Each structure stands twice: as C-alpha cells, then as structure tokens.
N, C-alpha and C. Protein backbone atom coordinates (compact mmCIF):
# COMPACT_ATOMS: atom_id res chain seq x y z
N MET A 1 81.22 73.40 190.03
CA MET A 1 82.38 72.87 189.36
C MET A 1 81.92 72.00 188.19
N PRO A 2 82.14 72.42 186.97
CA PRO A 2 81.77 71.59 185.82
C PRO A 2 82.57 70.29 185.78
N ASP A 3 81.86 69.19 185.57
CA ASP A 3 82.48 67.87 185.46
C ASP A 3 82.27 67.34 184.06
N GLY A 4 83.17 66.47 183.65
CA GLY A 4 83.04 65.85 182.35
C GLY A 4 83.81 64.55 182.29
N GLY A 5 83.76 63.91 181.15
CA GLY A 5 84.47 62.66 181.00
C GLY A 5 84.34 62.11 179.60
N CYS A 6 84.98 60.97 179.44
CA CYS A 6 84.98 60.31 178.14
C CYS A 6 83.68 59.53 177.93
N PHE A 7 83.52 58.99 176.76
CA PHE A 7 82.32 58.26 176.36
C PHE A 7 82.06 57.06 177.27
N CYS A 8 83.11 56.32 177.66
CA CYS A 8 82.92 55.13 178.49
C CYS A 8 82.94 55.43 179.99
N GLY A 9 83.34 56.65 180.37
CA GLY A 9 83.31 57.05 181.77
C GLY A 9 84.55 56.73 182.58
N LYS A 10 85.57 56.16 181.98
CA LYS A 10 86.76 55.77 182.75
C LYS A 10 87.68 56.94 183.07
N VAL A 11 87.65 57.99 182.26
CA VAL A 11 88.46 59.18 182.52
C VAL A 11 87.51 60.32 182.85
N ARG A 12 87.72 60.94 184.01
CA ARG A 12 86.85 62.02 184.47
C ARG A 12 87.68 63.27 184.75
N ILE A 13 87.15 64.43 184.37
CA ILE A 13 87.82 65.71 184.58
C ILE A 13 86.84 66.71 185.18
N SER A 14 87.39 67.80 185.70
CA SER A 14 86.56 68.91 186.18
C SER A 14 87.41 70.18 186.16
N TYR A 15 86.73 71.31 186.31
CA TYR A 15 87.46 72.57 186.43
C TYR A 15 86.65 73.53 187.29
N THR A 16 87.34 74.53 187.80
CA THR A 16 86.70 75.58 188.58
C THR A 16 86.89 76.90 187.86
N GLY A 17 86.08 77.87 188.21
CA GLY A 17 86.21 79.20 187.62
C GLY A 17 85.70 79.23 186.20
N GLU A 18 86.00 80.33 185.57
CA GLU A 18 85.57 80.56 184.18
C GLU A 18 86.71 80.23 183.22
N PRO A 19 86.38 79.76 182.02
CA PRO A 19 87.42 79.55 181.01
C PRO A 19 88.10 80.88 180.66
N ALA A 20 89.39 80.81 180.40
CA ALA A 20 90.14 81.99 179.96
C ALA A 20 89.75 82.36 178.53
N LEU A 21 89.28 81.38 177.78
CA LEU A 21 88.93 81.57 176.37
C LEU A 21 87.94 80.49 175.96
N LYS A 22 86.99 80.86 175.13
CA LYS A 22 86.07 79.92 174.51
C LYS A 22 86.26 80.06 173.02
N ALA A 23 86.64 78.96 172.36
CA ALA A 23 87.02 79.08 170.95
C ALA A 23 86.57 77.90 170.11
N LEU A 24 86.21 78.20 168.88
CA LEU A 24 86.06 77.16 167.85
C LEU A 24 87.38 77.11 167.11
N CYS A 25 87.81 75.91 166.76
CA CYS A 25 89.03 75.78 165.97
C CYS A 25 88.71 74.99 164.71
N HIS A 26 89.09 75.56 163.57
CA HIS A 26 88.80 74.97 162.27
C HIS A 26 90.03 74.28 161.66
N CYS A 27 91.12 74.13 162.43
CA CYS A 27 92.33 73.54 161.86
C CYS A 27 92.13 72.05 161.54
N LEU A 28 92.96 71.54 160.67
CA LEU A 28 92.85 70.14 160.26
C LEU A 28 93.07 69.20 161.44
N ASP A 29 93.99 69.53 162.36
CA ASP A 29 94.21 68.68 163.52
C ASP A 29 92.94 68.52 164.34
N CYS A 30 92.23 69.62 164.59
CA CYS A 30 90.99 69.55 165.37
C CYS A 30 89.91 68.77 164.62
N ARG A 31 89.88 68.88 163.31
CA ARG A 31 88.92 68.09 162.54
C ARG A 31 89.20 66.61 162.71
N LYS A 32 90.48 66.27 162.66
CA LYS A 32 90.87 64.86 162.77
C LYS A 32 90.50 64.27 164.12
N ILE A 33 90.80 65.01 165.23
CA ILE A 33 90.54 64.42 166.54
C ILE A 33 89.07 64.42 166.92
N THR A 34 88.26 65.28 166.29
CA THR A 34 86.83 65.29 166.60
C THR A 34 86.02 64.49 165.59
N GLY A 35 86.58 64.28 164.42
CA GLY A 35 85.81 63.62 163.37
C GLY A 35 84.69 64.50 162.86
N SER A 36 84.89 65.81 162.98
CA SER A 36 83.84 66.76 162.60
C SER A 36 84.47 67.95 161.88
N THR A 37 83.69 69.00 161.68
CA THR A 37 84.15 70.15 160.91
C THR A 37 84.99 71.13 161.72
N TYR A 38 84.92 71.06 163.05
CA TYR A 38 85.69 71.94 163.94
C TYR A 38 85.60 71.40 165.35
N SER A 39 86.34 71.99 166.27
CA SER A 39 86.21 71.61 167.68
C SER A 39 85.81 72.84 168.49
N THR A 40 85.05 72.59 169.54
CA THR A 40 84.63 73.63 170.46
C THR A 40 85.46 73.47 171.72
N ASN A 41 86.20 74.52 172.08
CA ASN A 41 87.22 74.41 173.12
C ASN A 41 87.01 75.40 174.26
N LEU A 42 87.37 74.95 175.46
CA LEU A 42 87.41 75.79 176.64
C LEU A 42 88.84 75.83 177.12
N ALA A 43 89.47 76.98 177.11
CA ALA A 43 90.84 77.11 177.60
C ALA A 43 90.78 77.37 179.11
N ILE A 44 91.18 76.37 179.87
CA ILE A 44 91.08 76.41 181.33
C ILE A 44 92.47 76.60 181.93
N PRO A 45 92.67 77.57 182.82
CA PRO A 45 93.96 77.71 183.49
C PRO A 45 94.34 76.41 184.20
N GLU A 46 95.60 75.99 184.05
CA GLU A 46 96.07 74.72 184.61
C GLU A 46 95.69 74.55 186.07
N ASP A 47 95.81 75.61 186.86
CA ASP A 47 95.52 75.52 188.29
C ASP A 47 94.05 75.26 188.57
N ASN A 48 93.18 75.50 187.61
CA ASN A 48 91.74 75.29 187.79
C ASN A 48 91.25 73.96 187.21
N PHE A 49 92.16 73.22 186.59
CA PHE A 49 91.82 71.97 185.92
C PHE A 49 92.19 70.79 186.81
N LYS A 50 91.35 69.75 186.79
CA LYS A 50 91.65 68.56 187.59
C LYS A 50 91.30 67.29 186.83
N LEU A 51 92.23 66.35 186.83
CA LEU A 51 91.97 65.00 186.35
C LEU A 51 91.46 64.24 187.57
N ASN A 52 90.20 63.86 187.58
CA ASN A 52 89.59 63.23 188.75
C ASN A 52 89.80 61.72 188.82
N SER A 53 89.78 61.06 187.68
CA SER A 53 89.98 59.61 187.68
C SER A 53 90.42 59.15 186.30
N GLY A 54 91.04 58.00 186.30
CA GLY A 54 91.51 57.41 185.05
C GLY A 54 92.90 57.88 184.70
N THR A 55 93.48 57.20 183.73
CA THR A 55 94.82 57.54 183.25
C THR A 55 94.75 57.65 181.74
N PRO A 56 94.60 58.87 181.24
CA PRO A 56 94.50 59.00 179.79
C PRO A 56 95.82 58.68 179.09
N LYS A 57 95.70 58.26 177.87
CA LYS A 57 96.87 58.10 177.01
C LYS A 57 97.13 59.45 176.36
N THR A 58 98.33 59.61 175.81
CA THR A 58 98.67 60.85 175.13
C THR A 58 99.31 60.55 173.78
N ILE A 59 99.17 61.52 172.91
CA ILE A 59 99.90 61.49 171.65
C ILE A 59 100.30 62.94 171.36
N SER A 60 101.55 63.11 170.99
CA SER A 60 102.06 64.45 170.67
C SER A 60 102.47 64.50 169.21
N LYS A 61 102.34 65.68 168.64
CA LYS A 61 102.76 65.89 167.25
C LYS A 61 103.06 67.36 167.03
N THR A 62 103.65 67.65 165.91
CA THR A 62 103.84 69.03 165.53
C THR A 62 102.55 69.50 164.88
N ALA A 63 101.96 70.53 165.47
CA ALA A 63 100.67 71.04 165.01
C ALA A 63 100.84 71.95 163.80
N ASP A 64 99.71 72.42 163.30
CA ASP A 64 99.70 73.35 162.16
C ASP A 64 100.51 74.61 162.46
N THR A 65 100.64 74.95 163.75
CA THR A 65 101.40 76.13 164.15
C THR A 65 102.91 75.91 164.11
N GLY A 66 103.33 74.64 163.97
CA GLY A 66 104.75 74.31 164.03
C GLY A 66 105.23 73.99 165.44
N LYS A 67 104.33 74.09 166.41
CA LYS A 67 104.66 73.81 167.81
C LYS A 67 104.04 72.48 168.22
N THR A 68 104.56 71.92 169.31
CA THR A 68 104.06 70.64 169.79
C THR A 68 102.69 70.80 170.42
N ILE A 69 101.82 69.85 170.12
CA ILE A 69 100.50 69.77 170.74
C ILE A 69 100.32 68.33 171.21
N THR A 70 99.81 68.18 172.43
CA THR A 70 99.61 66.87 173.01
C THR A 70 98.14 66.67 173.31
N SER A 71 97.59 65.58 172.78
CA SER A 71 96.20 65.22 173.04
C SER A 71 96.16 64.19 174.16
N HIS A 72 95.21 64.36 175.07
CA HIS A 72 94.99 63.43 176.18
C HIS A 72 93.64 62.76 175.92
N PHE A 73 93.66 61.44 175.79
CA PHE A 73 92.46 60.72 175.39
C PHE A 73 92.31 59.42 176.17
N CYS A 74 91.08 58.92 176.22
CA CYS A 74 90.81 57.64 176.88
C CYS A 74 91.34 56.52 175.99
N GLY A 75 92.15 55.65 176.58
CA GLY A 75 92.70 54.53 175.84
C GLY A 75 91.69 53.45 175.53
N ASP A 76 90.53 53.48 176.20
CA ASP A 76 89.51 52.48 175.96
C ASP A 76 88.51 52.91 174.89
N CYS A 77 87.95 54.12 175.03
CA CYS A 77 86.92 54.55 174.06
C CYS A 77 87.45 55.54 173.03
N GLY A 78 88.63 56.13 173.27
CA GLY A 78 89.24 57.02 172.29
C GLY A 78 88.86 58.49 172.39
N THR A 79 87.99 58.85 173.33
CA THR A 79 87.56 60.24 173.45
C THR A 79 88.72 61.16 173.81
N THR A 80 88.96 62.20 173.01
CA THR A 80 89.92 63.24 173.37
C THR A 80 89.23 64.17 174.35
N LEU A 81 89.87 64.36 175.53
CA LEU A 81 89.29 65.20 176.57
C LEU A 81 89.92 66.58 176.61
N TRP A 82 91.24 66.64 176.46
CA TRP A 82 91.90 67.94 176.45
C TRP A 82 93.21 67.84 175.71
N ARG A 83 93.75 69.03 175.40
CA ARG A 83 95.03 69.13 174.71
C ARG A 83 95.89 70.17 175.42
N ASP A 84 97.19 69.96 175.34
CA ASP A 84 98.19 70.93 175.80
C ASP A 84 98.97 71.38 174.59
N THR A 85 99.26 72.67 174.52
CA THR A 85 100.03 73.18 173.40
C THR A 85 100.93 74.31 173.87
N GLU A 86 102.12 74.37 173.30
CA GLU A 86 103.06 75.44 173.62
C GLU A 86 102.44 76.81 173.32
N THR A 87 101.58 76.87 172.33
CA THR A 87 100.96 78.12 171.93
C THR A 87 100.06 78.69 173.02
N MET A 88 99.50 77.81 173.83
CA MET A 88 98.61 78.24 174.93
C MET A 88 99.17 77.72 176.25
N ALA A 89 100.42 78.01 176.51
CA ALA A 89 101.08 77.55 177.73
C ALA A 89 100.31 78.00 178.96
N GLY A 90 100.21 77.10 179.94
CA GLY A 90 99.49 77.41 181.18
C GLY A 90 98.00 77.14 181.12
N LEU A 91 97.53 76.67 179.95
CA LEU A 91 96.11 76.40 179.78
C LEU A 91 95.90 74.95 179.33
N LYS A 92 94.81 74.37 179.77
CA LYS A 92 94.36 73.06 179.28
C LYS A 92 93.23 73.36 178.30
N VAL A 93 93.35 72.87 177.10
CA VAL A 93 92.34 73.12 176.07
C VAL A 93 91.35 71.95 176.10
N VAL A 94 90.28 72.15 176.86
CA VAL A 94 89.28 71.12 177.11
C VAL A 94 88.27 71.09 175.96
N LYS A 95 87.95 69.91 175.51
CA LYS A 95 86.92 69.74 174.47
C LYS A 95 85.56 69.90 175.14
N ALA A 96 84.83 70.95 174.79
CA ALA A 96 83.59 71.32 175.46
C ALA A 96 82.55 70.20 175.42
N GLY A 97 82.55 69.41 174.39
CA GLY A 97 81.57 68.33 174.26
C GLY A 97 81.77 67.20 175.25
N THR A 98 82.88 67.20 175.99
CA THR A 98 83.11 66.16 177.00
C THR A 98 82.49 66.51 178.34
N MET A 99 81.96 67.72 178.49
CA MET A 99 81.36 68.12 179.76
C MET A 99 79.98 67.48 179.90
N ASP A 100 79.61 67.12 181.15
CA ASP A 100 78.40 66.35 181.41
C ASP A 100 77.10 67.13 181.22
N ASP A 101 77.06 68.36 181.65
CA ASP A 101 75.82 69.13 181.62
C ASP A 101 75.42 69.40 180.17
N PRO A 102 74.26 68.90 179.74
CA PRO A 102 73.85 69.11 178.35
C PRO A 102 73.70 70.58 177.99
N LYS A 103 73.51 71.44 178.97
CA LYS A 103 73.38 72.87 178.72
C LYS A 103 74.73 73.55 178.57
N SER A 104 75.81 72.83 178.91
CA SER A 104 77.13 73.47 178.91
C SER A 104 77.54 73.97 177.54
N LEU A 105 77.19 73.28 176.48
CA LEU A 105 77.55 73.77 175.15
C LEU A 105 76.83 75.07 174.82
N GLY A 106 75.63 75.23 175.31
CA GLY A 106 74.90 76.48 175.10
C GLY A 106 75.53 77.64 175.84
N ASP A 107 76.23 77.32 176.93
CA ASP A 107 76.89 78.35 177.74
C ASP A 107 78.31 78.65 177.26
N THR A 108 78.74 77.97 176.22
CA THR A 108 80.13 78.14 175.77
C THR A 108 80.23 78.83 174.43
N GLN A 109 79.33 79.75 174.14
CA GLN A 109 79.42 80.42 172.85
C GLN A 109 80.81 81.02 172.71
N PRO A 110 81.53 80.61 171.69
CA PRO A 110 82.89 81.06 171.50
C PRO A 110 83.01 82.56 171.27
N GLY A 111 84.04 83.14 171.84
CA GLY A 111 84.37 84.54 171.62
C GLY A 111 85.36 84.70 170.49
N VAL A 112 85.90 83.56 170.02
CA VAL A 112 86.90 83.60 168.96
C VAL A 112 86.79 82.34 168.11
N GLU A 113 87.09 82.49 166.83
CA GLU A 113 87.23 81.35 165.92
C GLU A 113 88.66 81.36 165.40
N LEU A 114 89.29 80.19 165.45
CA LEU A 114 90.69 80.04 165.05
C LEU A 114 90.79 79.32 163.71
N PHE A 115 91.83 79.63 162.96
CA PHE A 115 92.08 79.03 161.64
C PHE A 115 90.87 79.22 160.71
N VAL A 116 90.34 80.43 160.71
CA VAL A 116 89.15 80.76 159.93
C VAL A 116 89.30 80.45 158.44
N PRO A 117 90.47 80.67 157.82
CA PRO A 117 90.57 80.34 156.40
C PRO A 117 90.33 78.85 156.10
N GLU A 118 90.43 77.99 157.11
CA GLU A 118 90.22 76.56 156.92
C GLU A 118 88.78 76.14 157.22
N ARG A 119 87.93 77.07 157.66
CA ARG A 119 86.52 76.76 157.96
C ARG A 119 85.86 76.24 156.69
N VAL A 120 85.06 75.18 156.82
CA VAL A 120 84.36 74.65 155.65
C VAL A 120 83.35 75.68 155.16
N SER A 121 83.11 75.70 153.87
CA SER A 121 82.33 76.77 153.24
C SER A 121 80.89 76.84 153.72
N TRP A 122 80.31 75.74 154.16
CA TRP A 122 78.91 75.76 154.57
C TRP A 122 78.71 76.01 156.06
N VAL A 123 79.79 76.28 156.81
CA VAL A 123 79.70 76.65 158.22
C VAL A 123 79.86 78.16 158.31
N ASN A 124 78.89 78.83 158.89
CA ASN A 124 78.94 80.27 159.04
C ASN A 124 79.77 80.67 160.26
N GLY A 125 80.37 81.84 160.19
CA GLY A 125 81.08 82.39 161.33
C GLY A 125 80.10 82.75 162.43
N ILE A 126 80.60 82.78 163.65
CA ILE A 126 79.76 83.13 164.80
C ILE A 126 79.72 84.65 164.91
N GLU A 127 78.52 85.19 164.88
CA GLU A 127 78.35 86.63 164.97
C GLU A 127 78.94 87.15 166.27
N GLY A 128 79.78 88.17 166.16
CA GLY A 128 80.40 88.79 167.32
C GLY A 128 81.69 88.14 167.77
N ALA A 129 82.03 86.97 167.25
CA ALA A 129 83.27 86.30 167.64
C ALA A 129 84.44 86.86 166.83
N GLU A 130 85.56 87.03 167.50
CA GLU A 130 86.78 87.46 166.81
C GLU A 130 87.18 86.37 165.81
N GLN A 131 87.60 86.77 164.64
CA GLN A 131 87.99 85.83 163.58
C GLN A 131 89.51 85.89 163.41
N ARG A 132 90.20 84.77 163.70
CA ARG A 132 91.66 84.74 163.59
C ARG A 132 92.10 83.73 162.54
N ASN A 133 93.22 84.05 161.89
CA ASN A 133 93.78 83.15 160.89
C ASN A 133 94.59 82.02 161.51
N SER A 134 94.99 82.17 162.77
CA SER A 134 95.79 81.16 163.46
C SER A 134 95.44 81.19 164.94
N MET A 135 96.28 80.57 165.77
CA MET A 135 96.03 80.57 167.22
C MET A 135 96.52 81.85 167.88
N SER A 136 97.46 82.52 167.26
CA SER A 136 98.02 83.71 167.91
C SER A 136 97.34 84.99 167.48
C-alpha cells in the first residue's frame, strides 16, 4: 500500500491497487499549485484512497475546463496532496510527489499528458504517452 503525506507530516494518505491513470498536467492551475512547470498525477479510484491522518483544508475554484476542482492541502505547510474534479468523478487526483517511496516517481511514468498546448517550450513530451489538449 503506497503511503504519502505533506511536507510537515501532519496529513497522511495511502491507496491500494493500481492508479486508473498516470498523467502529467500542463494547465495553469497545476502550475500554480505545484510552483513548477507541470504536475505529475495519479488518478486513484475513490474506494482505494484513504486519508490516514490529519484534516486537510480545501479550496475550490472553476478550473480551466469550466468545472469545479477542489484542492486538498495541509493547512500548516501548504502541500497539495490531492484534488477532486467533476471531470474525473470517482477518482482522487493524487500528486505523485507526495508519496513517500523515492522510487515511486520512477514507477509513475505517465501514459498521458494533459493540456499539451500549454506545455512550456523547453519541456519535451513523454515518448509513448497520449497527448491531449484537455482533460477529456
């Protein structure tokens, strides 16, 4: 069972099984919440996801898709751990970098890249990954 958590350790999560989707997202919202050029995401079925400890704060907004997206983050250190979105109903979109095992990012090679037209020019596409203009 992969375990993860925020930077300060107050919010802990885990999941069972395999992710339904492994994706990079290049949208502006993901850039903002990661402070980077994209986010690496694991779409986990809700029934396989568990909040183990802590009480994350949330913030909701209308995403680039026009649908509501809710970020769940640690109120102490600010780490975004997962997001819920109408576009991916039934899935928790876990930020792969919050998982504890340092090898986990190597095991999460994305099968899809989202919002490809927004990818920064010096980041190359992932060979073999599906390239999508949006989430759908």
